[in-house]
Amino acid sequence: MDSTQNSSLKTHHSKLFYGIYSGRKVLITGHTGFKGSWLAYWLLKMGASVCGYSLNPPTNPSHFDLLKLEMESHVGDIRDSKRLLAVLASFKPEIVFHLAAQPLVRLSYREPRETFETNVMGTLNVLEACRQTDSVKAIVNITSDKCYENREWVWGYRENDPMGGFDPYSASKGCAELVASCYRNSYFNLEKYDKQHAVLLASCRAGNVIGGGDWALDRLVPDIMKAVSKGETVIIRNPAATRPWQHVLEPLSGYLLVGQRLLEGKKEFAEAWNFGPSDNSSISVEEVVKAIQKYWPRINYKIEQDKTAAHEANLLKLDCSKAHIKLGWKETWNSIEAFEKTTNWYRNYYESGNLSTEDDINRFVNCGG
């Protein structure tokens, strides 16, 4: 790409979301994680001043470490309310994206206390720190599609469906949503906005996000990529489980769009939002593996169902009609394109050491994301 093209692309990024993030102070909790690192990188490309608060990267390799982002980064536990408040007081963000979490279902069975403390009390700490920081005008609280009481319906869950959770992780995310709703009613009440307070709070729910740079344990795509990089056969434990699969940039574009509306002071957007792919993007785990094989034929797998494994939902999807109609948000890449982009990211990394993060963001933006 020549310098003229590069300059044009920078201008294009700075104008995304009506230029709301250019020059804006943004704090991300969980910025060293998979989704957080992608979000931080995109915000920096849009000209935002970004500060992160998180534990050290949870994996090695780490997408965050590989990106070498030029941003303010604080290592801290979301359960440490005093340190968290000090970082907000020092940086003075205008908007906070809360992504820090214990994100793994199987780990939540082994560490339920840590899961609830991190996901519930951590959320409370973030909201309380925002309440005590005058600069904060908008909060985007990120939970999960697993926050819903899952009855394994064939239709998607809407934002007003009951919270629930069979396993500790899912239950903790349902609780985190209740905490956010409580703060919205008690401290960031919409009827009192611009009178007694100046903060708008929204919650966003998405699930089964894939993309390059995820090396977390017990996730399908990272497990596949780690196995093929070592010349091993990946073990598939739940081949019939059906999920809606989407590239990481899809929900991130939704979070950023919600953040834009909040920063614009549009209080009707301070509520819950689902971000998920279309119905035809809900396919089984085994179908996912076969789709990925098309882009990296070296991948081998075998099915070994574990009948003693802890419970995980077999069917879960979201109804995103509200985001489509009210926000104008739409899916940019279907599931097949998401598998292609994700597989190529890992293949480029393992075969040549190159990162495709910037190229993926540029392609996504040029497609209308």
Protein backbone atom coordinates (compact mmCIF):
# COMPACT_ATOMS: atom_id res chain seq x y z
CA MET A 1 0.00 0.00 0.00
CA ASP A 2 1.54 3.36 -1.02
CA SER A 3 1.57 6.45 1.22
CA THR A 4 -1.42 8.05 -0.55
CA GLN A 5 -3.54 4.94 -0.01
CA ASN A 6 -2.37 4.66 3.60
CA SER A 7 -3.29 8.31 4.31
CA SER A 8 -6.71 7.81 2.72
CA LEU A 9 -7.33 4.73 4.84
CA LYS A 10 -6.40 6.57 8.05
CA THR A 11 -8.86 9.31 7.14
CA HIS A 12 -11.52 6.70 6.44
CA HIS A 13 -11.03 5.06 9.84
CA SER A 14 -11.12 8.38 11.68
CA LYS A 15 -14.52 9.11 10.14
CA LEU A 16 -16.08 5.79 11.14
CA PHE A 17 -19.05 6.07 13.51
CA TYR A 18 -19.32 9.73 12.45
CA GLY A 19 -15.83 10.36 13.82
CA ILE A 20 -17.08 10.05 17.41
CA TYR A 21 -13.96 8.19 18.62
CA SER A 22 -11.32 10.39 16.99
CA GLY A 23 -9.50 12.18 19.80
CA ARG A 24 -11.80 10.62 22.40
CA LYS A 25 -10.53 9.13 25.68
CA VAL A 26 -11.62 5.48 25.85
CA LEU A 27 -10.97 2.98 28.64
CA ILE A 28 -11.23 -0.76 28.02
CA THR A 29 -11.27 -3.35 30.79
CA GLY A 30 -9.95 -6.69 29.60
CA HIS A 31 -7.88 -5.10 26.82
CA THR A 32 -5.25 -7.88 26.94
CA GLY A 33 -7.82 -10.54 26.06
CA PHE A 34 -8.93 -11.70 22.62
CA LYS A 35 -11.87 -9.34 22.02
CA GLY A 36 -10.32 -6.53 24.05
CA SER A 37 -7.12 -6.48 21.97
CA TRP A 38 -9.08 -6.30 18.70
CA LEU A 39 -11.21 -3.47 20.12
CA ALA A 40 -8.16 -1.54 21.35
CA TYR A 41 -6.46 -1.85 17.97
CA TRP A 42 -9.54 -0.67 16.07
CA LEU A 43 -10.05 2.30 18.40
CA LEU A 44 -6.42 3.34 17.99
CA LYS A 45 -6.83 3.20 14.20
CA MET A 46 -9.80 5.55 14.57
CA GLY A 47 -7.65 8.05 16.45
CA ALA A 48 -8.88 7.39 19.98
CA SER A 49 -6.71 7.80 23.08
CA VAL A 50 -6.98 4.35 24.64
CA CYS A 51 -6.27 3.16 28.17
CA GLY A 52 -6.57 -0.45 29.27
CA TYR A 53 -7.05 -2.11 32.64
CA SER A 54 -6.61 -5.88 32.77
CA LEU A 55 -4.67 -8.81 34.05
CA ASN A 56 -1.58 -9.81 32.10
CA PRO A 57 -2.37 -11.51 28.77
CA PRO A 58 -4.05 -14.83 29.57
CA THR A 59 -2.20 -16.88 26.93
CA ASN A 60 1.18 -17.28 25.28
CA PRO A 61 1.24 -16.35 22.46
CA SER A 62 -1.03 -13.37 23.03
CA HIS A 63 -2.74 -11.23 20.40
CA PHE A 64 -2.25 -8.16 22.60
CA ASP A 65 1.51 -8.73 22.96
CA LEU A 66 1.92 -9.45 19.25
CA LEU A 67 0.18 -6.20 18.27
CA LYS A 68 2.55 -4.04 20.38
CA LEU A 69 -0.09 -1.35 20.75
CA GLU A 70 0.90 2.21 21.64
CA MET A 71 -1.56 2.81 24.45
CA GLU A 72 -1.70 3.31 28.19
CA SER A 73 -1.89 -0.15 29.76
CA HIS A 74 -2.45 -0.96 33.43
CA VAL A 75 -2.10 -4.45 34.87
CA GLY A 76 -4.70 -4.97 37.56
CA ASP A 77 -7.47 -7.24 38.78
CA ILE A 78 -11.03 -6.11 38.12
CA ARG A 79 -11.79 -7.19 41.69
CA ASP A 80 -9.38 -4.55 43.02
CA SER A 81 -11.86 -1.68 43.27
CA LYS A 82 -9.37 0.88 44.65
CA ARG A 83 -6.79 0.36 41.91
CA LEU A 84 -9.50 0.39 39.24
CA LEU A 85 -10.94 3.67 40.55
CA ALA A 86 -7.45 5.20 40.65
CA VAL A 87 -6.87 4.37 36.98
CA LEU A 88 -10.19 5.93 35.95
CA ALA A 89 -9.54 9.00 38.08
CA SER A 90 -6.12 9.46 36.48
CA PHE A 91 -7.05 8.79 32.84
CA LYS A 92 -10.47 10.49 32.93
CA PRO A 93 -12.17 8.48 30.16
CA GLU A 94 -15.31 9.68 28.43
CA ILE A 95 -16.49 6.16 27.60
CA VAL A 96 -15.75 2.77 29.19
CA PHE A 97 -16.03 -0.59 27.43
CA HIS A 98 -16.17 -3.30 30.10
CA LEU A 99 -14.94 -6.63 28.73
CA ALA A 100 -12.84 -8.00 31.63
CA ALA A 101 -14.20 -11.38 32.68
CA GLN A 102 -13.56 -15.02 33.45
CA PRO A 103 -14.86 -16.16 30.04
CA LEU A 104 -14.65 -19.96 30.08
CA VAL A 105 -17.56 -22.31 30.85
CA ARG A 106 -15.49 -25.37 31.78
CA LEU A 107 -13.17 -23.34 34.01
CA SER A 108 -16.21 -21.91 35.79
CA TYR A 109 -17.09 -25.42 36.99
CA ARG A 110 -13.63 -25.74 38.53
CA GLU A 111 -13.43 -22.16 39.84
CA PRO A 112 -16.99 -20.99 40.61
CA ARG A 113 -15.98 -18.49 43.30
CA GLU A 114 -13.42 -16.78 41.05
CA THR A 115 -15.95 -16.75 38.21
CA PHE A 116 -18.68 -15.06 40.25
CA GLU A 117 -16.27 -12.66 41.94
CA THR A 118 -14.77 -11.59 38.61
CA ASN A 119 -17.91 -11.45 36.51
CA VAL A 120 -20.38 -10.09 39.06
CA MET A 121 -18.38 -8.09 41.60
CA GLY A 122 -15.98 -7.03 38.85
CA THR A 123 -18.90 -5.54 36.92
CA LEU A 124 -20.12 -3.79 40.05
CA ASN A 125 -16.62 -2.37 40.63
CA VAL A 126 -16.49 -0.98 37.08
CA LEU A 127 -19.92 0.64 37.33
CA GLU A 128 -19.13 2.08 40.75
CA ALA A 129 -15.81 3.47 39.52
CA CYS A 130 -17.63 5.07 36.58
CA ARG A 131 -20.21 6.56 38.95
CA GLN A 132 -17.39 8.20 40.90
CA THR A 133 -15.53 9.51 37.83
CA ASP A 134 -17.06 12.74 36.51
CA SER A 135 -15.50 12.44 33.05
CA VAL A 136 -17.43 9.24 32.20
CA LYS A 137 -20.43 9.89 29.95
CA ALA A 138 -21.03 6.43 28.50
CA ILE A 139 -20.60 2.80 29.59
CA VAL A 140 -20.87 -0.24 27.32
CA ASN A 141 -21.11 -3.35 29.49
CA ILE A 142 -20.25 -6.55 27.60
CA THR A 143 -21.71 -9.83 28.85
CA SER A 144 -22.63 -12.91 26.81
CA ASP A 145 -25.45 -14.68 24.98
CA LYS A 146 -25.23 -17.21 27.81
CA CYS A 147 -26.78 -14.69 30.22
CA TYR A 148 -30.23 -15.89 29.14
CA GLU A 149 -32.16 -18.70 30.78
CA ASN A 150 -31.50 -21.23 28.03
CA ARG A 151 -34.43 -23.48 27.20
CA GLU A 152 -32.79 -24.63 23.95
CA TRP A 153 -35.53 -23.07 21.88
CA VAL A 154 -35.21 -23.14 18.10
CA TRP A 155 -35.78 -19.37 17.99
CA GLY A 156 -33.44 -16.68 19.26
CA TYR A 157 -33.60 -14.96 22.63
CA ARG A 158 -34.73 -11.34 22.76
CA GLU A 159 -33.32 -8.68 25.04
CA ASN A 160 -36.33 -8.81 27.36
CA ASP A 161 -36.19 -12.59 27.92
CA PRO A 162 -35.33 -13.78 31.47
CA MET A 163 -31.76 -14.01 32.70
CA GLY A 164 -30.56 -17.39 33.89
CA GLY A 165 -27.64 -19.79 33.63
CA PHE A 166 -27.14 -23.52 34.17
CA ASP A 167 -23.38 -23.41 34.74
CA PRO A 168 -21.45 -20.94 36.94
CA TYR A 169 -20.20 -18.92 33.95
CA SER A 170 -23.65 -18.46 32.43
CA ALA A 171 -25.22 -17.68 35.80
CA SER A 172 -22.51 -15.11 36.53
CA LYS A 173 -23.25 -13.36 33.25
CA GLY A 174 -26.97 -13.31 34.05
CA CYS A 175 -26.11 -11.78 37.43
CA ALA A 176 -23.86 -9.20 35.75
CA GLU A 177 -26.79 -8.13 33.60
CA LEU A 178 -28.93 -7.70 36.71
CA VAL A 179 -26.21 -5.55 38.27
CA ALA A 180 -26.12 -3.36 35.16
CA SER A 181 -29.91 -3.05 35.14
CA CYS A 182 -29.84 -2.08 38.83
CA TYR A 183 -27.27 0.67 38.21
CA ARG A 184 -29.22 1.93 35.21
CA ASN A 185 -32.35 2.23 37.34
CA SER A 186 -30.76 3.44 40.56
CA TYR A 187 -27.89 5.71 39.52
CA PHE A 188 -28.08 6.27 35.76
CA ASN A 189 -31.86 6.55 35.54
CA LEU A 190 -32.96 7.68 32.09
CA GLU A 191 -35.64 10.01 33.42
CA LYS A 192 -32.98 11.83 35.45
CA TYR A 193 -30.43 11.98 32.62
CA ASP A 194 -29.06 15.49 32.04
CA LYS A 195 -30.71 16.59 35.28
CA GLN A 196 -29.14 14.63 38.13
CA HIS A 197 -26.47 12.71 36.21
CA ALA A 198 -24.80 12.61 32.78
CA VAL A 199 -24.10 8.90 32.26
CA LEU A 200 -25.71 6.46 29.81
CA LEU A 201 -25.27 2.71 30.33
CA ALA A 202 -25.93 -0.06 27.79
CA SER A 203 -25.36 -3.82 27.90
CA CYS A 204 -24.31 -5.89 24.89
CA ARG A 205 -24.66 -9.63 24.45
CA ALA A 206 -22.87 -11.78 21.87
CA GLY A 207 -21.50 -15.27 21.74
CA ASN A 208 -19.31 -17.73 19.83
CA VAL A 209 -17.00 -15.10 18.45
CA ILE A 210 -14.09 -16.28 16.33
CA GLY A 211 -11.11 -14.55 14.75
CA GLY A 212 -7.34 -14.57 14.71
CA GLY A 213 -5.39 -14.24 17.91
CA ASP A 214 -7.53 -16.32 20.26
CA TRP A 215 -5.54 -18.96 22.12
CA ALA A 216 -7.90 -19.55 25.04
CA LEU A 217 -8.39 -23.04 26.45
CA ASP A 218 -11.48 -25.11 25.67
CA ARG A 219 -12.56 -23.12 22.63
CA LEU A 220 -13.15 -24.90 19.37
CA VAL A 221 -11.25 -22.74 16.88
CA PRO A 222 -8.19 -22.10 19.11
CA ASP A 223 -8.05 -25.84 19.88
CA ILE A 224 -8.07 -26.61 16.14
CA MET A 225 -5.37 -24.06 15.35
CA LYS A 226 -3.10 -25.10 18.21
CA ALA A 227 -3.40 -28.74 17.14
CA VAL A 228 -2.62 -28.14 13.47
CA SER A 229 0.36 -25.95 14.38
CA LYS A 230 1.82 -28.94 16.22
CA GLY A 231 0.83 -31.51 13.60
CA GLU A 232 -1.66 -33.07 16.03
CA THR A 233 -5.21 -34.32 15.63
CA VAL A 234 -7.80 -32.15 17.36
CA ILE A 235 -10.32 -33.92 19.60
CA ILE A 236 -13.97 -32.88 19.13
CA ARG A 237 -16.02 -33.58 22.25
CA ASN A 238 -19.45 -32.20 21.31
CA PRO A 239 -19.86 -32.48 17.51
CA ALA A 240 -23.63 -31.93 17.39
CA ALA A 241 -23.68 -28.71 19.46
CA THR A 242 -25.07 -25.89 17.34
CA ARG A 243 -23.92 -22.29 17.71
CA PRO A 244 -24.20 -19.03 15.80
CA TRP A 245 -20.67 -18.27 14.58
CA GLN A 246 -19.47 -14.74 13.88
CA HIS A 247 -16.19 -12.95 13.32
CA VAL A 248 -14.97 -10.86 16.25
CA LEU A 249 -15.36 -7.63 14.25
CA GLU A 250 -19.13 -8.18 13.97
CA PRO A 251 -20.03 -7.68 17.65
CA LEU A 252 -17.25 -5.11 18.09
CA SER A 253 -18.87 -2.98 15.39
CA GLY A 254 -22.11 -3.28 17.37
CA TYR A 255 -20.46 -2.25 20.64
CA LEU A 256 -18.88 0.75 18.92
CA LEU A 257 -22.18 1.73 17.34
CA VAL A 258 -23.92 1.61 20.73
CA GLY A 259 -21.06 3.63 22.21
CA GLN A 260 -21.47 6.22 19.49
CA ARG A 261 -25.17 6.66 20.28
CA LEU A 262 -24.47 6.98 24.00
CA LEU A 263 -21.75 9.57 23.45
CA GLU A 264 -24.22 11.50 21.31
CA GLY A 265 -26.47 11.65 24.38
CA LYS A 266 -29.24 9.53 22.86
CA LYS A 267 -30.70 7.97 25.98
CA GLU A 268 -33.06 5.66 24.08
CA PHE A 269 -30.02 3.51 23.28
CA ALA A 270 -29.09 3.02 26.96
CA GLU A 271 -30.50 -0.49 27.21
CA ALA A 272 -29.67 -4.11 26.31
CA TRP A 273 -28.58 -5.17 22.81
CA ASN A 274 -28.02 -8.53 21.10
CA PHE A 275 -25.36 -8.92 18.41
CA GLY A 276 -25.29 -12.18 16.52
CA PRO A 277 -25.21 -13.64 13.02
CA SER A 278 -28.12 -14.63 10.81
CA ASP A 279 -29.90 -17.94 11.29
CA ASN A 280 -27.95 -19.65 8.51
CA SER A 281 -24.74 -19.00 10.47
CA SER A 282 -25.88 -21.43 13.19
CA ILE A 283 -24.15 -24.69 12.37
CA SER A 284 -22.82 -27.66 14.30
CA VAL A 285 -19.33 -28.02 15.72
CA GLU A 286 -18.45 -30.81 13.27
CA GLU A 287 -19.62 -28.70 10.33
CA VAL A 288 -17.37 -25.89 11.57
CA VAL A 289 -14.33 -28.17 11.53
CA LYS A 290 -15.11 -29.32 8.00
CA ALA A 291 -15.57 -25.72 6.84
CA ILE A 292 -12.21 -24.71 8.33
CA GLN A 293 -10.48 -27.68 6.66
CA LYS A 294 -11.24 -26.13 3.27
CA TYR A 295 -8.88 -23.26 4.07
CA TRP A 296 -6.20 -25.32 5.83
CA PRO A 297 -6.27 -28.93 4.56
CA ARG A 298 -3.62 -30.02 7.11
CA ILE A 299 -6.29 -29.98 9.84
CA ASN A 300 -7.21 -33.43 11.17
CA TYR A 301 -9.83 -34.25 13.78
CA LYS A 302 -11.53 -37.12 15.52
CA ILE A 303 -14.65 -37.30 17.65
CA GLU A 304 -14.35 -38.50 21.24
CA GLN A 305 -17.51 -37.65 23.09
CA ASP A 306 -17.03 -37.37 26.83
CA LYS A 307 -20.21 -38.54 28.58
CA THR A 308 -18.82 -37.42 31.94
CA ALA A 309 -18.22 -33.84 30.77
CA ALA A 310 -19.98 -30.98 32.54
CA HIS A 311 -23.19 -29.70 31.00
CA GLU A 312 -22.97 -27.26 28.08
CA ALA A 313 -25.90 -25.99 26.02
CA ASN A 314 -26.47 -27.69 22.67
CA LEU A 315 -28.52 -24.92 21.05
CA LEU A 316 -28.32 -21.18 21.70
CA LYS A 317 -28.93 -18.22 19.41
CA LEU A 318 -29.98 -14.60 19.64
CA ASP A 319 -32.73 -12.56 18.03
CA CYS A 320 -30.96 -9.42 16.79
CA SER A 321 -33.98 -7.74 15.21
CA LYS A 322 -33.76 -4.83 17.63
CA ALA A 323 -30.16 -4.02 16.65
CA HIS A 324 -31.02 -4.33 12.96
CA ILE A 325 -34.04 -2.03 13.17
CA LYS A 326 -33.11 0.54 15.82
CA LEU A 327 -29.33 0.72 15.41
CA GLY A 328 -29.07 -0.09 11.72
CA TRP A 329 -26.46 -2.72 12.59
CA LYS A 330 -26.07 -5.61 10.19
CA GLU A 331 -23.89 -8.63 9.60
CA THR A 332 -20.97 -7.94 7.26
CA TRP A 333 -19.37 -11.37 6.92
CA ASN A 334 -21.38 -14.58 7.01
CA SER A 335 -20.11 -17.63 8.89
CA ILE A 336 -18.20 -19.05 5.91
CA GLU A 337 -16.39 -15.74 5.42
CA ALA A 338 -15.68 -15.65 9.15
CA PHE A 339 -14.14 -19.14 9.02
CA GLU A 340 -12.07 -18.14 5.98
CA LYS A 341 -10.73 -14.93 7.56
CA THR A 342 -10.03 -16.66 10.87
CA THR A 343 -8.27 -19.68 9.36
CA ASN A 344 -6.17 -17.51 7.08
CA TRP A 345 -5.15 -15.35 10.06
CA TYR A 346 -3.76 -18.37 11.93
CA ARG A 347 -2.25 -19.91 8.82
CA ASN A 348 -0.41 -16.67 8.04
CA TYR A 349 0.80 -16.46 11.62
CA TYR A 350 2.01 -20.05 11.93
CA GLU A 351 3.48 -20.36 8.43
CA SER A 352 5.07 -16.91 8.03
CA GLY A 353 4.85 -15.13 11.39
CA ASN A 354 2.65 -12.37 9.93
CA LEU A 355 -0.40 -10.80 11.58
CA SER A 356 -3.50 -10.19 9.45
CA THR A 357 -5.30 -8.08 12.05
CA GLU A 358 -4.95 -4.78 10.21
CA ASP A 359 -5.86 -6.34 6.86
CA ASP A 360 -8.97 -7.93 8.37
CA ILE A 361 -10.12 -4.62 9.86
CA ASN A 362 -9.51 -2.81 6.57
CA ARG A 363 -11.44 -5.43 4.60
CA PHE A 364 -14.28 -5.37 7.12
CA VAL A 365 -14.55 -1.58 6.97
CA ASN A 366 -14.43 -1.58 3.17
CA CYS A 367 -17.25 -4.15 3.12
CA GLY A 368 -19.40 -1.74 5.11
CA GLY A 369 -18.75 -2.91 8.67
